[in-house]
Amino acid sequence: MNPEDLIKLVNQRMPYGKYQGRLLADLPGHYLGWFAREGFPKGELGRLLALMHEIDHNGLGELLTPLRRHQP
Protein backbone atom coordinates (compact mmCIF):
# COMPACT_ATOMS: atom_id res chain seq x y z
CA MET A 1 0.00 0.00 0.00
CA ASN A 2 1.12 3.47 -0.87
CA PRO A 3 0.45 6.10 1.87
CA GLU A 4 -0.85 8.49 -0.78
CA ASP A 5 -3.66 6.01 -1.41
CA LEU A 6 -5.15 6.86 1.98
CA ILE A 7 -5.30 10.52 0.98
CA LYS A 8 -6.96 9.54 -2.29
CA LEU A 9 -9.66 7.66 -0.37
CA VAL A 10 -10.76 10.85 1.41
CA ASN A 11 -10.52 13.05 -1.71
CA GLN A 12 -11.57 10.93 -4.69
CA ARG A 13 -15.24 10.42 -5.52
CA MET A 14 -16.96 7.37 -6.94
CA PRO A 15 -17.25 8.12 -10.68
CA TYR A 16 -20.34 6.00 -11.44
CA GLY A 17 -23.06 3.76 -10.08
CA LYS A 18 -25.52 4.05 -7.23
CA TYR A 19 -23.04 6.01 -5.11
CA GLN A 20 -21.70 8.26 -7.86
CA GLY A 21 -20.21 11.42 -6.38
CA ARG A 22 -19.66 9.98 -2.90
CA LEU A 23 -16.14 9.97 -1.46
CA LEU A 24 -14.55 6.53 -1.68
CA ALA A 25 -13.97 6.65 2.08
CA ASP A 26 -17.73 7.13 2.60
CA LEU A 27 -18.95 4.20 0.51
CA PRO A 28 -21.07 1.78 2.55
CA GLY A 29 -19.59 -1.56 3.55
CA HIS A 30 -22.24 -3.58 1.74
CA TYR A 31 -21.35 -1.84 -1.53
CA LEU A 32 -17.65 -2.52 -1.03
CA GLY A 33 -18.52 -6.11 -0.13
CA TRP A 34 -20.44 -6.47 -3.38
CA PHE A 35 -17.33 -5.43 -5.32
CA ALA A 36 -15.25 -7.88 -3.28
CA ARG A 37 -17.60 -10.71 -4.28
CA GLU A 38 -18.22 -9.70 -7.90
CA GLY A 39 -14.83 -8.23 -8.74
CA PHE A 40 -13.26 -4.82 -8.39
CA PRO A 41 -12.88 -2.66 -11.51
CA LYS A 42 -9.53 -2.58 -13.25
CA GLY A 43 -6.94 0.10 -12.59
CA GLU A 44 -6.50 2.60 -9.82
CA LEU A 45 -10.18 2.78 -8.92
CA GLY A 46 -10.33 -0.96 -8.32
CA ARG A 47 -7.17 -0.86 -6.24
CA LEU A 48 -8.56 1.97 -4.10
CA LEU A 49 -11.93 0.24 -3.67
CA ALA A 50 -10.15 -2.95 -2.59
CA LEU A 51 -8.12 -0.96 -0.08
CA MET A 52 -11.25 0.74 1.27
CA HIS A 53 -12.94 -2.64 1.56
CA GLU A 54 -10.04 -3.96 3.67
CA ILE A 55 -10.10 -0.85 5.86
CA ASP A 56 -13.86 -1.08 6.35
CA HIS A 57 -13.97 -4.86 6.81
CA ASN A 58 -11.28 -4.73 9.49
CA GLY A 59 -12.81 -1.79 11.36
CA LEU A 60 -9.94 0.56 10.59
CA GLY A 61 -11.97 3.51 9.31
CA GLU A 62 -10.61 5.73 12.06
CA LEU A 63 -7.26 5.70 10.24
CA LEU A 64 -8.82 8.10 7.75
CA THR A 65 -10.17 10.60 10.31
CA PRO A 66 -6.97 12.70 10.61
CA LEU A 67 -6.73 12.83 6.82
CA ARG A 68 -10.29 14.13 6.52
CA ARG A 69 -9.39 17.07 8.73
CA HIS A 70 -6.63 18.13 6.35
CA GLN A 71 -8.55 17.98 3.09
CA PRO A 72 -7.88 20.82 0.69
PDB file of N, CA and C in Angstrom:
ATOM      1  N   MET A   1       0.836  -1.184   0.000  1.00  0.00           N
ATOM      2  CA  MET A   1       0.000   0.000   0.000  1.00  0.00           C
ATOM      3  C   MET A   1       0.877   1.243   0.000  1.00  0.00           C
ATOM      4  N   ASN A   2       0.448   2.190  -0.776  1.00  0.00           N
ATOM      5  CA  ASN A   2       1.120   3.471  -0.870  1.00  0.00           C
ATOM      6  C   ASN A   2       0.405   4.452   0.076  1.00  0.00           C
ATOM      7  N   PRO A   3       1.113   5.162   0.949  1.00  0.00           N
ATOM      8  CA  PRO A   3       0.447   6.095   1.873  1.00  0.00           C
ATOM      9  C   PRO A   3      -0.418   7.143   1.166  1.00  0.00           C
ATOM     10  N   GLU A   4      -0.051   7.515  -0.040  1.00  0.00           N
ATOM     11  CA  GLU A   4      -0.849   8.491  -0.784  1.00  0.00           C
ATOM     12  C   GLU A   4      -2.236   7.939  -1.109  1.00  0.00           C
ATOM     13  N   ASP A   5      -2.358   6.618  -1.135  1.00  0.00           N
ATOM     14  CA  ASP A   5      -3.661   6.011  -1.412  1.00  0.00           C
ATOM     15  C   ASP A   5      -4.675   6.358  -0.331  1.00  0.00           C
ATOM     16  N   LEU A   6      -4.231   6.484   0.904  1.00  0.00           N
ATOM     17  CA  LEU A   6      -5.148   6.856   1.982  1.00  0.00           C
ATOM     18  C   LEU A   6      -5.698   8.261   1.759  1.00  0.00           C
ATOM     19  N   ILE A   7      -4.855   9.154   1.280  1.00  0.00           N
ATOM     20  CA  ILE A   7      -5.300  10.519   0.977  1.00  0.00           C
ATOM     21  C   ILE A   7      -6.293  10.497  -0.179  1.00  0.00           C
ATOM     22  N   LYS A   8      -6.036   9.652  -1.156  1.00  0.00           N
ATOM     23  CA  LYS A   8      -6.960   9.542  -2.291  1.00  0.00           C
ATOM     24  C   LYS A   8      -8.332   9.060  -1.831  1.00  0.00           C
ATOM     25  N   LEU A   9      -8.375   8.174  -0.854  1.00  0.00           N
ATOM     26  CA  LEU A   9      -9.661   7.661  -0.371  1.00  0.00           C
ATOM     27  C   LEU A   9     -10.546   8.761   0.198  1.00  0.00           C
ATOM     28  N   VAL A  10      -9.956   9.771   0.812  1.00  0.00           N
ATOM     29  CA  VAL A  10     -10.760  10.848   1.406  1.00  0.00           C
ATOM     30  C   VAL A  10     -10.958  12.026   0.458  1.00  0.00           C
ATOM     31  N   ASN A  11     -10.376  11.956  -0.739  1.00  0.00           N
ATOM     32  CA  ASN A  11     -10.521  13.045  -1.712  1.00  0.00           C
ATOM     33  C   ASN A  11     -11.191  12.632  -3.013  1.00  0.00           C
ATOM     34  N   GLN A  12     -11.052  11.379  -3.397  1.00  0.00           N
ATOM     35  CA  GLN A  12     -11.570  10.926  -4.690  1.00  0.00           C
ATOM     36  C   GLN A  12     -13.010  10.459  -4.546  1.00  0.00           C
ATOM     37  N   ARG A  13     -13.817  10.782  -5.543  1.00  0.00           N
ATOM     38  CA  ARG A  13     -15.238  10.420  -5.520  1.00  0.00           C
ATOM     39  C   ARG A  13     -15.518   9.246  -6.453  1.00  0.00           C
ATOM     40  N   MET A  14     -16.538   8.500  -6.113  1.00  0.00           N
ATOM     41  CA  MET A  14     -16.959   7.371  -6.943  1.00  0.00           C
ATOM     42  C   MET A  14     -17.475   7.935  -8.265  1.00  0.00           C
ATOM     43  N   PRO A  15     -16.905   7.498  -9.400  1.00  0.00           N
ATOM     44  CA  PRO A  15     -17.249   8.118 -10.680  1.00  0.00           C
ATOM     45  C   PRO A  15     -18.551   7.628 -11.305  1.00  0.00           C
ATOM     46  N   TYR A  16     -19.139   6.549 -10.811  1.00  0.00           N
ATOM     47  CA  TYR A  16     -20.343   5.997 -11.444  1.00  0.00           C
ATOM     48  C   TYR A  16     -21.104   5.125 -10.448  1.00  0.00           C
ATOM     49  N   GLY A  17     -22.280   4.704 -10.873  1.00  0.00           N
ATOM     50  CA  GLY A  17     -23.064   3.762 -10.076  1.00  0.00           C
ATOM     51  C   GLY A  17     -23.980   4.427  -9.070  1.00  0.00           C
ATOM     52  N   LYS A  18     -24.545   3.607  -8.224  1.00  0.00           N
ATOM     53  CA  LYS A  18     -25.520   4.047  -7.225  1.00  0.00           C
ATOM     54  C   LYS A  18     -24.960   5.131  -6.316  1.00  0.00           C
ATOM     55  N   TYR A  19     -23.677   5.058  -6.030  1.00  0.00           N
ATOM     56  CA  TYR A  19     -23.044   6.008  -5.109  1.00  0.00           C
ATOM     57  C   TYR A  19     -22.138   6.996  -5.836  1.00  0.00           C
ATOM     58  N   GLN A  20     -22.476   7.290  -7.076  1.00  0.00           N
ATOM     59  CA  GLN A  20     -21.704   8.259  -7.859  1.00  0.00           C
ATOM     60  C   GLN A  20     -21.628   9.584  -7.103  1.00  0.00           C
ATOM     61  N   GLY A  21     -20.414  10.140  -7.038  1.00  0.00           N
ATOM     62  CA  GLY A  21     -20.213  11.422  -6.376  1.00  0.00           C
ATOM     63  C   GLY A  21     -19.848  11.320  -4.901  1.00  0.00           C
ATOM     64  N   ARG A  22     -19.996  10.151  -4.313  1.00  0.00           N
ATOM     65  CA  ARG A  22     -19.659   9.975  -2.898  1.00  0.00           C
ATOM     66  C   ARG A  22     -18.163   9.698  -2.767  1.00  0.00           C
ATOM     67  N   LEU A  23     -17.550  10.249  -1.715  1.00  0.00           N
ATOM     68  CA  LEU A  23     -16.139   9.969  -1.463  1.00  0.00           C
ATOM     69  C   LEU A  23     -15.937   8.467  -1.289  1.00  0.00           C
ATOM     70  N   LEU A  24     -14.828   7.960  -1.811  1.00  0.00           N
ATOM     71  CA  LEU A  24     -14.546   6.529  -1.681  1.00  0.00           C
ATOM     72  C   LEU A  24     -14.530   6.105  -0.218  1.00  0.00           C
ATOM     73  N   ALA A  25     -14.035   6.962   0.651  1.00  0.00           N
ATOM     74  CA  ALA A  25     -13.975   6.655   2.083  1.00  0.00           C
ATOM     75  C   ALA A  25     -15.358   6.582   2.718  1.00  0.00           C
ATOM     76  N   ASP A  26     -16.377   7.115   2.045  1.00  0.00           N
ATOM     77  CA  ASP A  26     -17.732   7.134   2.596  1.00  0.00           C
ATOM     78  C   ASP A  26     -18.654   6.096   1.972  1.00  0.00           C
ATOM     79  N   LEU A  27     -18.114   5.240   1.121  1.00  0.00           N
ATOM     80  CA  LEU A  27     -18.948   4.201   0.513  1.00  0.00           C
ATOM     81  C   LEU A  27     -19.360   3.191   1.580  1.00  0.00           C
ATOM     82  N   PRO A  28     -20.621   2.733   1.533  1.00  0.00           N
ATOM     83  CA  PRO A  28     -21.072   1.779   2.549  1.00  0.00           C
ATOM     84  C   PRO A  28     -20.397   0.416   2.404  1.00  0.00           C
ATOM     85  N   GLY A  29     -20.255  -0.261   3.524  1.00  0.00           N
ATOM     86  CA  GLY A  29     -19.590  -1.556   3.553  1.00  0.00           C
ATOM     87  C   GLY A  29     -20.240  -2.592   2.656  1.00  0.00           C
ATOM     88  N   HIS A  30     -21.584  -2.581   2.579  1.00  0.00           N
ATOM     89  CA  HIS A  30     -22.244  -3.584   1.738  1.00  0.00           C
ATOM     90  C   HIS A  30     -21.920  -3.381   0.261  1.00  0.00           C
ATOM     91  N   TYR A  31     -21.718  -2.136  -0.139  1.00  0.00           N
ATOM     92  CA  TYR A  31     -21.354  -1.835  -1.528  1.00  0.00           C
ATOM     93  C   TYR A  31     -19.928  -2.307  -1.812  1.00  0.00           C
ATOM     94  N   LEU A  32     -19.032  -2.044  -0.892  1.00  0.00           N
ATOM     95  CA  LEU A  32     -17.650  -2.520  -1.029  1.00  0.00           C
ATOM     96  C   LEU A  32     -17.607  -4.042  -1.012  1.00  0.00           C
ATOM     97  N   GLY A  33     -18.439  -4.650  -0.179  1.00  0.00           N
ATOM     98  CA  GLY A  33     -18.515  -6.107  -0.126  1.00  0.00           C
ATOM     99  C   GLY A  33     -19.006  -6.695  -1.433  1.00  0.00           C
ATOM    100  N   TRP A  34     -19.941  -6.005  -2.077  1.00  0.00           N
ATOM    101  CA  TRP A  34     -20.435  -6.469  -3.378  1.00  0.00           C
ATOM    102  C   TRP A  34     -19.290  -6.500  -4.387  1.00  0.00           C
ATOM    103  N   PHE A  35     -18.494  -5.449  -4.421  1.00  0.00           N
ATOM    104  CA  PHE A  35     -17.333  -5.433  -5.320  1.00  0.00           C
ATOM    105  C   PHE A  35     -16.364  -6.561  -4.972  1.00  0.00           C
ATOM    106  N   ALA A  36     -16.168  -6.813  -3.691  1.00  0.00           N
ATOM    107  CA  ALA A  36     -15.252  -7.878  -3.278  1.00  0.00           C
ATOM    108  C   ALA A  36     -15.737  -9.235  -3.790  1.00  0.00           C
ATOM    109  N   ARG A  37     -17.044  -9.441  -3.793  1.00  0.00           N
ATOM    110  CA  ARG A  37     -17.602 -10.706  -4.279  1.00  0.00           C
ATOM    111  C   ARG A  37     -17.629 -10.787  -5.801  1.00  0.00           C
ATOM    112  N   GLU A  38     -18.006  -9.689  -6.446  1.00  0.00           N
ATOM    113  CA  GLU A  38     -18.225  -9.696  -7.896  1.00  0.00           C
ATOM    114  C   GLU A  38     -16.989  -9.308  -8.701  1.00  0.00           C
ATOM    115  N   GLY A  39     -16.052  -8.662  -8.058  1.00  0.00           N
ATOM    116  CA  GLY A  39     -14.830  -8.234  -8.735  1.00  0.00           C
ATOM    117  C   GLY A  39     -14.704  -6.718  -8.761  1.00  0.00           C
ATOM    118  N   PHE A  40     -13.539  -6.253  -8.371  1.00  0.00           N
ATOM    119  CA  PHE A  40     -13.262  -4.820  -8.393  1.00  0.00           C
ATOM    120  C   PHE A  40     -12.949  -4.395  -9.821  1.00  0.00           C
ATOM    121  N   PRO A  41     -13.241  -3.138 -10.171  1.00  0.00           N
ATOM    122  CA  PRO A  41     -12.878  -2.664 -11.510  1.00  0.00           C
ATOM    123  C   PRO A  41     -11.361  -2.669 -11.695  1.00  0.00           C
ATOM    124  N   LYS A  42     -10.958  -2.614 -12.924  1.00  0.00           N
ATOM    125  CA  LYS A  42      -9.526  -2.577 -13.254  1.00  0.00           C
ATOM    126  C   LYS A  42      -8.949  -1.208 -12.899  1.00  0.00           C
ATOM    127  N   GLY A  43      -7.655  -1.166 -12.756  1.00  0.00           N
ATOM    128  CA  GLY A  43      -6.945   0.097 -12.593  1.00  0.00           C
ATOM    129  C   GLY A  43      -6.952   0.646 -11.183  1.00  0.00           C
ATOM    130  N   GLU A  44      -6.647   1.941 -11.115  1.00  0.00           N
ATOM    131  CA  GLU A  44      -6.500   2.597  -9.816  1.00  0.00           C
ATOM    132  C   GLU A  44      -7.787   2.567  -9.001  1.00  0.00           C
ATOM    133  N   LEU A  45      -8.922   2.790  -9.657  1.00  0.00           N
ATOM    134  CA  LEU A  45     -10.182   2.784  -8.918  1.00  0.00           C
ATOM    135  C   LEU A  45     -10.394   1.443  -8.220  1.00  0.00           C
ATOM    136  N   GLY A  46     -10.170   0.362  -8.920  1.00  0.00           N
ATOM    137  CA  GLY A  46     -10.335  -0.959  -8.324  1.00  0.00           C
ATOM    138  C   GLY A  46      -9.386  -1.188  -7.160  1.00  0.00           C
ATOM    139  N   ARG A  47      -8.168  -0.723  -7.316  1.00  0.00           N
ATOM    140  CA  ARG A  47      -7.172  -0.858  -6.243  1.00  0.00           C
ATOM    141  C   ARG A  47      -7.605  -0.074  -5.007  1.00  0.00           C
ATOM    142  N   LEU A  48      -8.118   1.141  -5.222  1.00  0.00           N
ATOM    143  CA  LEU A  48      -8.563   1.967  -4.097  1.00  0.00           C
ATOM    144  C   LEU A  48      -9.814   1.385  -3.436  1.00  0.00           C
ATOM    145  N   LEU A  49     -10.733   0.863  -4.238  1.00  0.00           N
ATOM    146  CA  LEU A  49     -11.927   0.243  -3.667  1.00  0.00           C
ATOM    147  C   LEU A  49     -11.560  -0.993  -2.848  1.00  0.00           C
ATOM    148  N   ALA A  50     -10.610  -1.772  -3.338  1.00  0.00           N
ATOM    149  CA  ALA A  50     -10.154  -2.949  -2.591  1.00  0.00           C
ATOM    150  C   ALA A  50      -9.514  -2.529  -1.269  1.00  0.00           C
ATOM    151  N   LEU A  51      -8.735  -1.467  -1.300  1.00  0.00           N
ATOM    152  CA  LEU A  51      -8.119  -0.957  -0.075  1.00  0.00           C
ATOM    153  C   LEU A  51      -9.194  -0.485   0.902  1.00  0.00           C
ATOM    154  N   MET A  52     -10.185   0.252   0.393  1.00  0.00           N
ATOM    155  CA  MET A  52     -11.250   0.741   1.266  1.00  0.00           C
ATOM    156  C   MET A  52     -12.051  -0.417   1.838  1.00  0.00           C
ATOM    157  N   HIS A  53     -12.251  -1.456   1.060  1.00  0.00           N
ATOM    158  CA  HIS A  53     -12.943  -2.643   1.564  1.00  0.00           C
ATOM    159  C   HIS A  53     -12.166  -3.255   2.725  1.00  0.00           C
ATOM    160  N   GLU A  54     -10.867  -3.390   2.588  1.00  0.00           N
ATOM    161  CA  GLU A  54     -10.041  -3.957   3.667  1.00  0.00           C
ATOM    162  C   GLU A  54     -10.096  -3.086   4.918  1.00  0.00           C
ATOM    163  N   ILE A  55     -10.025  -1.784   4.721  1.00  0.00           N
ATOM    164  CA  ILE A  55     -10.095  -0.855   5.858  1.00  0.00           C
ATOM    165  C   ILE A  55     -11.439  -0.996   6.566  1.00  0.00           C
ATOM    166  N   ASP A  56     -12.520  -0.982   5.787  1.00  0.00           N
ATOM    167  CA  ASP A  56     -13.862  -1.079   6.353  1.00  0.00           C
ATOM    168  C   ASP A  56     -14.087  -2.439   7.012  1.00  0.00           C
ATOM    169  N   HIS A  57     -13.736  -3.490   6.323  1.00  0.00           N
ATOM    170  CA  HIS A  57     -13.966  -4.857   6.811  1.00  0.00           C
ATOM    171  C   HIS A  57     -13.227  -5.124   8.126  1.00  0.00           C
ATOM    172  N   ASN A  58     -12.079  -4.522   8.286  1.00  0.00           N
ATOM    173  CA  ASN A  58     -11.277  -4.731   9.492  1.00  0.00           C
ATOM    174  C   ASN A  58     -11.487  -3.660  10.557  1.00  0.00           C
ATOM    175  N   GLY A  59     -12.477  -2.794  10.356  1.00  0.00           N
ATOM    176  CA  GLY A  59     -12.808  -1.789  11.357  1.00  0.00           C
ATOM    177  C   GLY A  59     -11.747  -0.729  11.559  1.00  0.00           C
ATOM    178  N   LEU A  60     -11.045  -0.392  10.485  1.00  0.00           N
ATOM    179  CA  LEU A  60      -9.939   0.564  10.590  1.00  0.00           C
ATOM    180  C   LEU A  60     -10.279   1.943  10.018  1.00  0.00           C
ATOM    181  N   GLY A  61     -11.550   2.241   9.885  1.00  0.00           N
ATOM    182  CA  GLY A  61     -11.974   3.507   9.307  1.00  0.00           C
ATOM    183  C   GLY A  61     -11.429   4.733  10.017  1.00  0.00           C
ATOM    184  N   GLU A  62     -11.146   4.599  11.299  1.00  0.00           N
ATOM    185  CA  GLU A  62     -10.608   5.733  12.060  1.00  0.00           C
ATOM    186  C   GLU A  62      -9.234   6.169  11.557  1.00  0.00           C
ATOM    187  N   LEU A  63      -8.554   5.306  10.825  1.00  0.00           N
ATOM    188  CA  LEU A  63      -7.263   5.700  10.236  1.00  0.00           C
ATOM    189  C   LEU A  63      -7.417   6.893   9.300  1.00  0.00           C
ATOM    190  N   LEU A  64      -8.597   7.039   8.732  1.00  0.00           N
ATOM    191  CA  LEU A  64      -8.824   8.101   7.755  1.00  0.00           C
ATOM    192  C   LEU A  64      -9.251   9.419   8.397  1.00  0.00           C
ATOM    193  N   THR A  65      -9.662   9.389   9.649  1.00  0.00           N
ATOM    194  CA  THR A  65     -10.169  10.597  10.311  1.00  0.00           C
ATOM    195  C   THR A  65      -9.173  11.757  10.292  1.00  0.00           C
ATOM    196  N   PRO A  66      -7.913  11.561  10.654  1.00  0.00           N
ATOM    197  CA  PRO A  66      -6.974  12.699  10.607  1.00  0.00           C
ATOM    198  C   PRO A  66      -6.780  13.242   9.192  1.00  0.00           C
ATOM    199  N   LEU A  67      -6.894  12.378   8.204  1.00  0.00           N
ATOM    200  CA  LEU A  67      -6.727  12.825   6.819  1.00  0.00           C
ATOM    201  C   LEU A  67      -7.916  13.657   6.364  1.00  0.00           C
ATOM    202  N   ARG A  68      -9.090  13.354   6.868  1.00  0.00           N
ATOM    203  CA  ARG A  68     -10.289  14.128   6.517  1.00  0.00           C
ATOM    204  C   ARG A  68     -10.166  15.563   7.024  1.00  0.00           C
ATOM    205  N   ARG A  69      -9.532  15.732   8.148  1.00  0.00           N
ATOM    206  CA  ARG A  69      -9.391  17.073   8.731  1.00  0.00           C
ATOM    207  C   ARG A  69      -8.482  17.963   7.904  1.00  0.00           C
ATOM    208  N   HIS A  70      -7.618  17.360   7.112  1.00  0.00           N
ATOM    209  CA  HIS A  70      -6.633  18.127   6.349  1.00  0.00           C
ATOM    210  C   HIS A  70      -6.928  18.124   4.860  1.00  0.00           C
ATOM    211  N   GLN A  71      -8.193  17.950   4.511  1.00  0.00           N
ATOM    212  CA  GLN A  71      -8.554  17.976   3.095  1.00  0.00           C
ATOM    213  C   GLN A  71      -8.393  19.384   2.555  1.00  0.00           C
ATOM    214  N   PRO A  72      -7.982  19.474   1.295  1.00  0.00           N
ATOM    215  CA  PRO A  72      -7.876  20.816   0.687  1.00  0.00           C
ATOM    216  C   PRO A  72      -9.234  21.437   0.467  1.00  0.00           C
TER     217      PRO A  72
END
